PDB file of N, CA and C in Angstrom:
ATOM      1  N   MET A   1     -18.987   1.950  10.275  1.00  0.00           N
ATOM      2  CA  MET A   1     -18.203   1.422   9.179  1.00  0.00           C
ATOM      3  C   MET A   1     -16.783   1.164   9.677  1.00  0.00           C
ATOM      4  N   SER A   2     -16.282  -0.025   9.459  1.00  0.00           N
ATOM      5  CA  SER A   2     -14.941  -0.379   9.950  1.00  0.00           C
ATOM      6  C   SER A   2     -13.893   0.022   8.920  1.00  0.00           C
ATOM      7  N   ALA A   3     -12.667   0.143   9.414  1.00  0.00           N
ATOM      8  CA  ALA A   3     -11.541   0.537   8.567  1.00  0.00           C
ATOM      9  C   ALA A   3     -11.145  -0.596   7.646  1.00  0.00           C
ATOM     10  N   ALA A   4     -10.693  -0.234   6.448  1.00  0.00           N
ATOM     11  CA  ALA A   4     -10.099  -1.219   5.552  1.00  0.00           C
ATOM     12  C   ALA A   4      -8.803  -1.691   6.190  1.00  0.00           C
ATOM     13  N   VAL A   5      -8.393  -2.907   5.850  1.00  0.00           N
ATOM     14  CA  VAL A   5      -7.161  -3.469   6.406  1.00  0.00           C
ATOM     15  C   VAL A   5      -6.154  -3.689   5.277  1.00  0.00           C
ATOM     16  N   MET A   6      -4.925  -3.240   5.530  1.00  0.00           N
ATOM     17  CA  MET A   6      -3.838  -3.473   4.590  1.00  0.00           C
ATOM     18  C   MET A   6      -2.762  -4.255   5.333  1.00  0.00           C
ATOM     19  N   VAL A   7      -2.430  -5.434   4.838  1.00  0.00           N
ATOM     20  CA  VAL A   7      -1.404  -6.270   5.481  1.00  0.00           C
ATOM     21  C   VAL A   7      -0.032  -5.810   4.984  1.00  0.00           C
ATOM     22  N   LEU A   8       0.834  -5.489   5.933  1.00  0.00           N
ATOM     23  CA  LEU A   8       2.181  -5.045   5.580  1.00  0.00           C
ATOM     24  C   LEU A   8       3.091  -6.218   5.288  1.00  0.00           C
ATOM     25  N   GLU A   9       4.041  -5.988   4.418  1.00  0.00           N
ATOM     26  CA  GLU A   9       5.032  -7.005   4.048  1.00  0.00           C
ATOM     27  C   GLU A   9       5.951  -7.296   5.246  1.00  0.00           C
ATOM     28  N   PRO A  10       6.524  -8.488   5.322  1.00  0.00           N
ATOM     29  CA  PRO A  10       7.410  -8.827   6.421  1.00  0.00           C
ATOM     30  C   PRO A  10       8.683  -7.966   6.491  1.00  0.00           C
ATOM     31  N   ARG A  11       9.213  -7.606   5.334  1.00  0.00           N
ATOM     32  CA  ARG A  11      10.424  -6.769   5.285  1.00  0.00           C
ATOM     33  C   ARG A  11      10.065  -5.421   4.678  1.00  0.00           C
ATOM     34  N   LEU A  12      10.082  -4.407   5.494  1.00  0.00           N
ATOM     35  CA  LEU A  12       9.835  -3.043   5.009  1.00  0.00           C
ATOM     36  C   LEU A  12      11.168  -2.320   4.905  1.00  0.00           C
ATOM     37  N   ASP A  13      12.026  -2.839   4.019  1.00  0.00           N
ATOM     38  CA  ASP A  13      13.351  -2.268   3.799  1.00  0.00           C
ATOM     39  C   ASP A  13      13.329  -1.302   2.626  1.00  0.00           C
ATOM     40  N   LEU A  14      14.470  -0.906   2.133  1.00  0.00           N
ATOM     41  CA  LEU A  14      14.572   0.055   1.042  1.00  0.00           C
ATOM     42  C   LEU A  14      13.748  -0.384  -0.169  1.00  0.00           C
ATOM     43  N   ARG A  15      13.851  -1.626  -0.546  1.00  0.00           N
ATOM     44  CA  ARG A  15      13.126  -2.116  -1.718  1.00  0.00           C
ATOM     45  C   ARG A  15      11.607  -2.093  -1.541  1.00  0.00           C
ATOM     46  N   ALA A  16      11.171  -2.222  -0.320  1.00  0.00           N
ATOM     47  CA  ALA A  16       9.726  -2.285  -0.039  1.00  0.00           C
ATOM     48  C   ALA A  16       9.085  -0.905   0.093  1.00  0.00           C
ATOM     49  N   THR A  17       9.898   0.137   0.228  1.00  0.00           N
ATOM     50  CA  THR A  17       9.352   1.466   0.494  1.00  0.00           C
ATOM     51  C   THR A  17       8.510   1.985  -0.669  1.00  0.00           C
ATOM     52  N   GLY A  18       8.982   1.844  -1.886  1.00  0.00           N
ATOM     53  CA  GLY A  18       8.223   2.309  -3.061  1.00  0.00           C
ATOM     54  C   GLY A  18       6.856   1.653  -3.153  1.00  0.00           C
ATOM     55  N   PRO A  19       6.806   0.316  -3.127  1.00  0.00           N
ATOM     56  CA  PRO A  19       5.494  -0.337  -3.167  1.00  0.00           C
ATOM     57  C   PRO A  19       4.595   0.008  -1.960  1.00  0.00           C
ATOM     58  N   LEU A  20       5.228   0.233  -0.793  1.00  0.00           N
ATOM     59  CA  LEU A  20       4.454   0.638   0.384  1.00  0.00           C
ATOM     60  C   LEU A  20       3.786   1.984   0.136  1.00  0.00           C
ATOM     61  N   VAL A  21       4.547   2.947  -0.370  1.00  0.00           N
ATOM     62  CA  VAL A  21       4.010   4.274  -0.668  1.00  0.00           C
ATOM     63  C   VAL A  21       2.874   4.185  -1.698  1.00  0.00           C
ATOM     64  N   GLU A  22       3.084   3.400  -2.733  1.00  0.00           N
ATOM     65  CA  GLU A  22       2.044   3.240  -3.764  1.00  0.00           C
ATOM     66  C   GLU A  22       0.775   2.649  -3.174  1.00  0.00           C
ATOM     67  N   ALA A  23       0.919   1.656  -2.316  1.00  0.00           N
ATOM     68  CA  ALA A  23      -0.250   1.020  -1.681  1.00  0.00           C
ATOM     69  C   ALA A  23      -0.986   1.993  -0.754  1.00  0.00           C
ATOM     70  N   LEU A  24      -0.222   2.808  -0.050  1.00  0.00           N
ATOM     71  CA  LEU A  24      -0.848   3.798   0.833  1.00  0.00           C
ATOM     72  C   LEU A  24      -1.581   4.857   0.026  1.00  0.00           C
ATOM     73  N   ILE A  25      -0.984   5.326  -1.054  1.00  0.00           N
ATOM     74  CA  ILE A  25      -1.642   6.328  -1.903  1.00  0.00           C
ATOM     75  C   ILE A  25      -2.951   5.779  -2.443  1.00  0.00           C
ATOM     76  N   ALA A  26      -2.946   4.510  -2.822  1.00  0.00           N
ATOM     77  CA  ALA A  26      -4.171   3.893  -3.362  1.00  0.00           C
ATOM     78  C   ALA A  26      -5.282   3.824  -2.326  1.00  0.00           C
ATOM     79  N   ARG A  27      -4.925   3.826  -1.044  1.00  0.00           N
ATOM     80  CA  ARG A  27      -5.919   3.709   0.038  1.00  0.00           C
ATOM     81  C   ARG A  27      -6.272   5.067   0.662  1.00  0.00           C
ATOM     82  N   ARG A  28      -5.667   6.134   0.193  1.00  0.00           N
ATOM     83  CA  ARG A  28      -5.928   7.436   0.793  1.00  0.00           C
ATOM     84  C   ARG A  28      -7.403   7.809   0.636  1.00  0.00           C
ATOM     85  N   GLY A  29      -7.933   8.453   1.650  1.00  0.00           N
ATOM     86  CA  GLY A  29      -9.326   8.867   1.610  1.00  0.00           C
ATOM     87  C   GLY A  29     -10.262   7.939   2.336  1.00  0.00           C
ATOM     88  N   GLU A  30      -9.699   6.953   3.025  1.00  0.00           N
ATOM     89  CA  GLU A  30     -10.513   6.011   3.803  1.00  0.00           C
ATOM     90  C   GLU A  30      -9.797   5.683   5.112  1.00  0.00           C
ATOM     91  N   ASP A  31     -10.560   5.311   6.113  1.00  0.00           N
ATOM     92  CA  ASP A  31      -9.947   4.835   7.355  1.00  0.00           C
ATOM     93  C   ASP A  31      -9.180   3.573   7.015  1.00  0.00           C
ATOM     94  N   LEU A  32      -7.992   3.427   7.591  1.00  0.00           N
ATOM     95  CA  LEU A  32      -7.136   2.305   7.254  1.00  0.00           C
ATOM     96  C   LEU A  32      -6.417   1.749   8.473  1.00  0.00           C
ATOM     97  N   ALA A  33      -6.447   0.444   8.616  1.00  0.00           N
ATOM     98  CA  ALA A  33      -5.716  -0.265   9.647  1.00  0.00           C
ATOM     99  C   ALA A  33      -4.575  -1.033   8.953  1.00  0.00           C
ATOM    100  N   LEU A  34      -3.375  -0.821   9.434  1.00  0.00           N
ATOM    101  CA  LEU A  34      -2.209  -1.503   8.887  1.00  0.00           C
ATOM    102  C   LEU A  34      -1.893  -2.715   9.764  1.00  0.00           C
ATOM    103  N   ASP A  35      -2.046  -3.901   9.215  1.00  0.00           N
ATOM    104  CA  ASP A  35      -1.769  -5.132   9.950  1.00  0.00           C
ATOM    105  C   ASP A  35      -0.269  -5.408   9.883  1.00  0.00           C
ATOM    106  N   ALA A  36       0.415  -5.268  11.005  1.00  0.00           N
ATOM    107  CA  ALA A  36       1.867  -5.408  11.055  1.00  0.00           C
ATOM    108  C   ALA A  36       2.310  -6.704  11.751  1.00  0.00           C
ATOM    109  N   GLY A  37       1.455  -7.678  11.787  1.00  0.00           N
ATOM    110  CA  GLY A  37       1.751  -8.920  12.491  1.00  0.00           C
ATOM    111  C   GLY A  37       2.903  -9.720  11.907  1.00  0.00           C
ATOM    112  N   ALA A  38       3.147  -9.570  10.604  1.00  0.00           N
ATOM    113  CA  ALA A  38       4.207 -10.346   9.963  1.00  0.00           C
ATOM    114  C   ALA A  38       5.499  -9.545   9.794  1.00  0.00           C
ATOM    115  N   VAL A  39       5.513  -8.269  10.187  1.00  0.00           N
ATOM    116  CA  VAL A  39       6.693  -7.436   9.942  1.00  0.00           C
ATOM    117  C   VAL A  39       7.831  -7.844  10.873  1.00  0.00           C
ATOM    118  N   THR A  40       8.950  -8.170  10.262  1.00  0.00           N
ATOM    119  CA  THR A  40      10.142  -8.557  11.026  1.00  0.00           C
ATOM    120  C   THR A  40      11.263  -7.543  10.884  1.00  0.00           C
ATOM    121  N   GLN A  41      11.160  -6.664   9.878  1.00  0.00           N
ATOM    122  CA  GLN A  41      12.202  -5.653   9.664  1.00  0.00           C
ATOM    123  C   GLN A  41      11.587  -4.400   9.092  1.00  0.00           C
ATOM    124  N   ILE A  42      11.980  -3.243   9.612  1.00  0.00           N
ATOM    125  CA  ILE A  42      11.548  -1.967   9.089  1.00  0.00           C
ATOM    126  C   ILE A  42      12.736  -1.020   9.011  1.00  0.00           C
ATOM    127  N   GLY A  43      12.854  -0.346   7.881  1.00  0.00           N
ATOM    128  CA  GLY A  43      13.916   0.617   7.695  1.00  0.00           C
ATOM    129  C   GLY A  43      13.409   2.031   7.898  1.00  0.00           C
ATOM    130  N   ALA A  44      14.352   2.948   7.986  1.00  0.00           N
ATOM    131  CA  ALA A  44      14.019   4.343   8.259  1.00  0.00           C
ATOM    132  C   ALA A  44      13.159   4.949   7.168  1.00  0.00           C
ATOM    133  N   LEU A  45      13.366   4.580   5.889  1.00  0.00           N
ATOM    134  CA  LEU A  45      12.559   5.137   4.818  1.00  0.00           C
ATOM    135  C   LEU A  45      11.108   4.680   4.935  1.00  0.00           C
ATOM    136  N   SER A  46      10.894   3.464   5.316  1.00  0.00           N
ATOM    137  CA  SER A  46       9.520   2.972   5.497  1.00  0.00           C
ATOM    138  C   SER A  46       8.859   3.663   6.685  1.00  0.00           C
ATOM    139  N   VAL A  47       9.650   3.911   7.734  1.00  0.00           N
ATOM    140  CA  VAL A  47       9.120   4.659   8.875  1.00  0.00           C
ATOM    141  C   VAL A  47       8.709   6.068   8.422  1.00  0.00           C
ATOM    142  N   GLN A  48       9.545   6.688   7.604  1.00  0.00           N
ATOM    143  CA  GLN A  48       9.220   8.016   7.080  1.00  0.00           C
ATOM    144  C   GLN A  48       7.955   7.975   6.230  1.00  0.00           C
ATOM    145  N   ALA A  49       7.817   6.941   5.430  1.00  0.00           N
ATOM    146  CA  ALA A  49       6.607   6.813   4.593  1.00  0.00           C
ATOM    147  C   ALA A  49       5.352   6.655   5.469  1.00  0.00           C
ATOM    148  N   LEU A  50       5.462   5.889   6.536  1.00  0.00           N
ATOM    149  CA  LEU A  50       4.315   5.718   7.436  1.00  0.00           C
ATOM    150  C   LEU A  50       4.004   6.994   8.200  1.00  0.00           C
ATOM    151  N   ARG A  51       5.044   7.747   8.575  1.00  0.00           N
ATOM    152  CA  ARG A  51       4.817   9.035   9.245  1.00  0.00           C
ATOM    153  C   ARG A  51       4.153  10.032   8.292  1.00  0.00           C
ATOM    154  N   ALA A  52       4.584  10.057   7.022  1.00  0.00           N
ATOM    155  CA  ALA A  52       3.961  10.913   6.037  1.00  0.00           C
ATOM    156  C   ALA A  52       2.495  10.526   5.835  1.00  0.00           C
ATOM    157  N   ALA A  53       2.216   9.223   5.826  1.00  0.00           N
ATOM    158  CA  ALA A  53       0.837   8.761   5.712  1.00  0.00           C
ATOM    159  C   ALA A  53       0.032   9.201   6.936  1.00  0.00           C
ATOM    160  N   ALA A  54       0.635   9.133   8.105  1.00  0.00           N
ATOM    161  CA  ALA A  54      -0.063   9.557   9.319  1.00  0.00           C
ATOM    162  C   ALA A  54      -0.479  11.013   9.199  1.00  0.00           C
ATOM    163  N   ARG A  55       0.400  11.838   8.681  1.00  0.00           N
ATOM    164  CA  ARG A  55       0.062  13.252   8.492  1.00  0.00           C
ATOM    165  C   ARG A  55      -1.051  13.424   7.476  1.00  0.00           C
ATOM    166  N   SER A  56      -0.930  12.743   6.341  1.00  0.00           N
ATOM    167  CA  SER A  56      -1.957  12.849   5.293  1.00  0.00           C
ATOM    168  C   SER A  56      -3.324  12.409   5.800  1.00  0.00           C
ATOM    169  N   TRP A  57      -3.350  11.282   6.499  1.00  0.00           N
ATOM    170  CA  TRP A  57      -4.622  10.763   7.016  1.00  0.00           C
ATOM    171  C   TRP A  57      -5.225  11.737   8.030  1.00  0.00           C
ATOM    172  N   ALA A  58      -4.382  12.289   8.897  1.00  0.00           N
ATOM    173  CA  ALA A  58      -4.872  13.231   9.898  1.00  0.00           C
ATOM    174  C   ALA A  58      -5.423  14.478   9.221  1.00  0.00           C
ATOM    175  N   GLU A  59      -4.712  15.008   8.242  1.00  0.00           N
ATOM    176  CA  GLU A  59      -5.168  16.204   7.542  1.00  0.00           C
ATOM    177  C   GLU A  59      -6.467  15.963   6.766  1.00  0.00           C
ATOM    178  N   ASP A  60      -6.647  14.714   6.315  1.00  0.00           N
ATOM    179  CA  ASP A  60      -7.881  14.364   5.584  1.00  0.00           C
ATOM    180  C   ASP A  60      -9.036  14.013   6.511  1.00  0.00           C
ATOM    181  N   GLY A  61      -8.759  13.903   7.822  1.00  0.00           N
ATOM    182  CA  GLY A  61      -9.788  13.565   8.787  1.00  0.00           C
ATOM    183  C   GLY A  61     -10.138  12.100   8.821  1.00  0.00           C
ATOM    184  N   HIS A  62      -9.198  11.257   8.436  1.00  0.00           N
ATOM    185  CA  HIS A  62      -9.417   9.809   8.479  1.00  0.00           C
ATOM    186  C   HIS A  62      -8.484   9.157   9.503  1.00  0.00           C
ATOM    187  N   ALA A  63      -8.859   7.985   9.928  1.00  0.00           N
ATOM    188  CA  ALA A  63      -8.078   7.235  10.921  1.00  0.00           C
ATOM    189  C   ALA A  63      -7.065   6.335  10.225  1.00  0.00           C
ATOM    190  N   LEU A  64      -5.858   6.315  10.768  1.00  0.00           N
ATOM    191  CA  LEU A  64      -4.795   5.394  10.324  1.00  0.00           C
ATOM    192  C   LEU A  64      -4.238   4.759  11.590  1.00  0.00           C
ATOM    193  N   SER A  65      -4.204   3.438  11.604  1.00  0.00           N
ATOM    194  CA  SER A  65      -3.691   2.753  12.805  1.00  0.00           C
ATOM    195  C   SER A  65      -2.771   1.605  12.391  1.00  0.00           C
ATOM    196  N   LEU A  66      -1.868   1.295  13.307  1.00  0.00           N
ATOM    197  CA  LEU A  66      -0.962   0.154  13.148  1.00  0.00           C
ATOM    198  C   LEU A  66      -1.391  -0.878  14.170  1.00  0.00           C
ATOM    199  N   GLU A  67      -1.766  -2.045  13.667  1.00  0.00           N
ATOM    200  CA  GLU A  67      -2.327  -3.062  14.539  1.00  0.00           C
ATOM    201  C   GLU A  67      -1.506  -4.349  14.485  1.00  0.00           C
ATOM    202  N   ASN A  68      -1.605  -5.118  15.566  1.00  0.00           N
ATOM    203  CA  ASN A  68      -1.016  -6.451  15.598  1.00  0.00           C
ATOM    204  C   ASN A  68       0.483  -6.431  15.361  1.00  0.00           C
ATOM    205  N   ALA A  69       1.186  -5.391  15.849  1.00  0.00           N
ATOM    206  CA  ALA A  69       2.617  -5.264  15.585  1.00  0.00           C
ATOM    207  C   ALA A  69       3.407  -6.436  16.198  1.00  0.00           C
ATOM    208  N   SER A  70       4.307  -6.960  15.415  1.00  0.00           N
ATOM    209  CA  SER A  70       5.182  -8.036  15.898  1.00  0.00           C
ATOM    210  C   SER A  70       6.142  -7.469  16.941  1.00  0.00           C
ATOM    211  N   SER A  71       6.692  -8.328  17.758  1.00  0.00           N
ATOM    212  CA  SER A  71       7.665  -7.872  18.760  1.00  0.00           C
ATOM    213  C   SER A  71       8.927  -7.352  18.075  1.00  0.00           C
ATOM    214  N   ASP A  72       9.331  -7.943  16.946  1.00  0.00           N
ATOM    215  CA  ASP A  72      10.491  -7.439  16.201  1.00  0.00           C
ATOM    216  C   ASP A  72      10.235  -6.002  15.750  1.00  0.00           C
ATOM    217  N   LEU A  73       9.048  -5.744  15.227  1.00  0.00           N
ATOM    218  CA  LEU A  73       8.723  -4.392  14.784  1.00  0.00           C
ATOM    219  C   LEU A  73       8.722  -3.426  15.960  1.00  0.00           C
ATOM    220  N   ALA A  74       8.102  -3.818  17.040  1.00  0.00           N
ATOM    221  CA  ALA A  74       8.049  -2.948  18.220  1.00  0.00           C
ATOM    222  C   ALA A  74       9.460  -2.600  18.714  1.00  0.00           C
ATOM    223  N   ASP A  75      10.349  -3.567  18.740  1.00  0.00           N
ATOM    224  CA  ASP A  75      11.717  -3.322  19.153  1.00  0.00           C
ATOM    225  C   ASP A  75      12.437  -2.341  18.223  1.00  0.00           C
ATOM    226  N   GLN A  76      12.268  -2.531  16.922  1.00  0.00           N
ATOM    227  CA  GLN A  76      12.933  -1.664  15.965  1.00  0.00           C
ATOM    228  C   GLN A  76      12.372  -0.238  15.999  1.00  0.00           C
ATOM    229  N   LEU A  77      11.057  -0.126  16.159  1.00  0.00           N
ATOM    230  CA  LEU A  77      10.460   1.199  16.278  1.00  0.00           C
ATOM    231  C   LEU A  77      10.971   1.920  17.516  1.00  0.00           C
ATOM    232  N   GLY A  78      11.174   1.167  18.601  1.00  0.00           N
ATOM    233  CA  GLY A  78      11.678   1.756  19.823  1.00  0.00           C
ATOM    234  C   GLY A  78      13.049   2.369  19.624  1.00  0.00           C
ATOM    235  N   LEU A  79      13.879   1.738  18.798  1.00  0.00           N
ATOM    236  CA  LEU A  79      15.197   2.283  18.515  1.00  0.00           C
ATOM    237  C   LEU A  79      15.127   3.590  17.728  1.00  0.00           C
ATOM    238  N   LEU A  80      14.007   3.778  17.032  1.00  0.00           N
ATOM    239  CA  LEU A  80      13.821   4.981  16.228  1.00  0.00           C
ATOM    240  C   LEU A  80      12.950   6.023  16.939  1.00  0.00           C
ATOM    241  N   GLY A  81      12.589   5.743  18.189  1.00  0.00           N
ATOM    242  CA  GLY A  81      11.853   6.723  18.978  1.00  0.00           C
ATOM    243  C   GLY A  81      10.348   6.620  18.883  1.00  0.00           C
ATOM    244  N   PHE A  82       9.845   5.525  18.366  1.00  0.00           N
ATOM    245  CA  PHE A  82       8.397   5.334  18.230  1.00  0.00           C
ATOM    246  C   PHE A  82       7.963   4.067  18.935  1.00  0.00           C
ATOM    247  N   THR A  83       6.664   3.948  19.100  1.00  0.00           N
ATOM    248  CA  THR A  83       6.032   2.695  19.512  1.00  0.00           C
ATOM    249  C   THR A  83       5.014   2.356  18.408  1.00  0.00           C
ATOM    250  N   PRO A  84       4.514   1.134  18.395  1.00  0.00           N
ATOM    251  CA  PRO A  84       3.466   0.826  17.418  1.00  0.00           C
ATOM    252  C   PRO A  84       2.261   1.758  17.542  1.00  0.00           C
ATOM    253  N   GLU A  85       2.002   2.247  18.743  1.00  0.00           N
ATOM    254  CA  GLU A  85       0.859   3.135  18.963  1.00  0.00           C
ATOM    255  C   GLU A  85       1.127   4.551  18.477  1.00  0.00           C
ATOM    256  N   THR A  86       2.362   5.036  18.608  1.00  0.00           N
ATOM    257  CA  THR A  86       2.639   6.424  18.258  1.00  0.00           C
ATOM    258  C   THR A  86       3.038   6.625  16.795  1.00  0.00           C
ATOM    259  N   LEU A  87       3.404   5.578  16.118  1.00  0.00           N
ATOM    260  CA  LEU A  87       3.902   5.709  14.721  1.00  0.00           C
ATOM    261  C   LEU A  87       2.881   6.381  13.829  1.00  0.00           C
ATOM    262  N   THR A  88       1.609   6.042  13.980  1.00  0.00           N
ATOM    263  CA  THR A  88       0.590   6.562  13.056  1.00  0.00           C
ATOM    264  C   THR A  88      -0.235   7.694  13.636  1.00  0.00           C
ATOM    265  N   ILE A  89       0.206   8.241  14.763  1.00  0.00           N
ATOM    266  CA  ILE A  89      -0.499   9.394  15.348  1.00  0.00           C
ATOM    267  C   ILE A  89       0.236  10.661  14.904  1.00  0.00           C
ATOM    268  N   TRP A  90      -0.497  11.562  14.265  1.00  0.00           N
ATOM    269  CA  TRP A  90       0.105  12.809  13.839  1.00  0.00           C
ATOM    270  C   TRP A  90      -0.386  13.935  14.714  1.00  0.00           C
ATOM    271  N   GLU A  91       0.540  14.685  15.256  1.00  0.00           N
ATOM    272  CA  GLU A  91       0.214  15.868  16.023  1.00  0.00           C
ATOM    273  C   GLU A  91       0.920  17.036  15.404  1.00  0.00           C
ATOM    274  N   ALA A  92       0.185  18.121  15.142  1.00  0.00           N
ATOM    275  CA  ALA A  92       0.787  19.311  14.539  1.00  0.00           C
ATOM    276  C   ALA A  92       1.949  19.789  15.407  1.00  0.00           C
ATOM    277  N   GLY A  93       3.012  20.163  14.744  1.00  0.00           N
ATOM    278  CA  GLY A  93       4.180  20.654  15.478  1.00  0.00           C
ATOM    279  C   GLY A  93       5.122  19.584  15.945  1.00  0.00           C
ATOM    280  N   ARG A  94       4.820  18.331  15.704  1.00  0.00           N
ATOM    281  CA  ARG A  94       5.720  17.251  16.149  1.00  0.00           C
ATOM    282  C   ARG A  94       6.743  16.931  15.106  1.00  0.00           C
TER     283      ARG A  94
END
């Protein structure tokens, strides 16, 4: 069974964080791939929301992945200490 896909908004700024969290909550309990191909901007609150989702998915035993990350997103995540690959990986104690 393949993961459901959720396409992320191009701007994941302060205004987008609430709807992002709501969309993630609605998808909890299933494997989920986040399509980040159109993301051009991400703020710290959205990063925190995605990190919280990573923890929830890991604790529930489901897969959460960030796929097709734009180069703008990859650059911004790098400034915050993440890569597209590490953003959705949760490790206890991290």
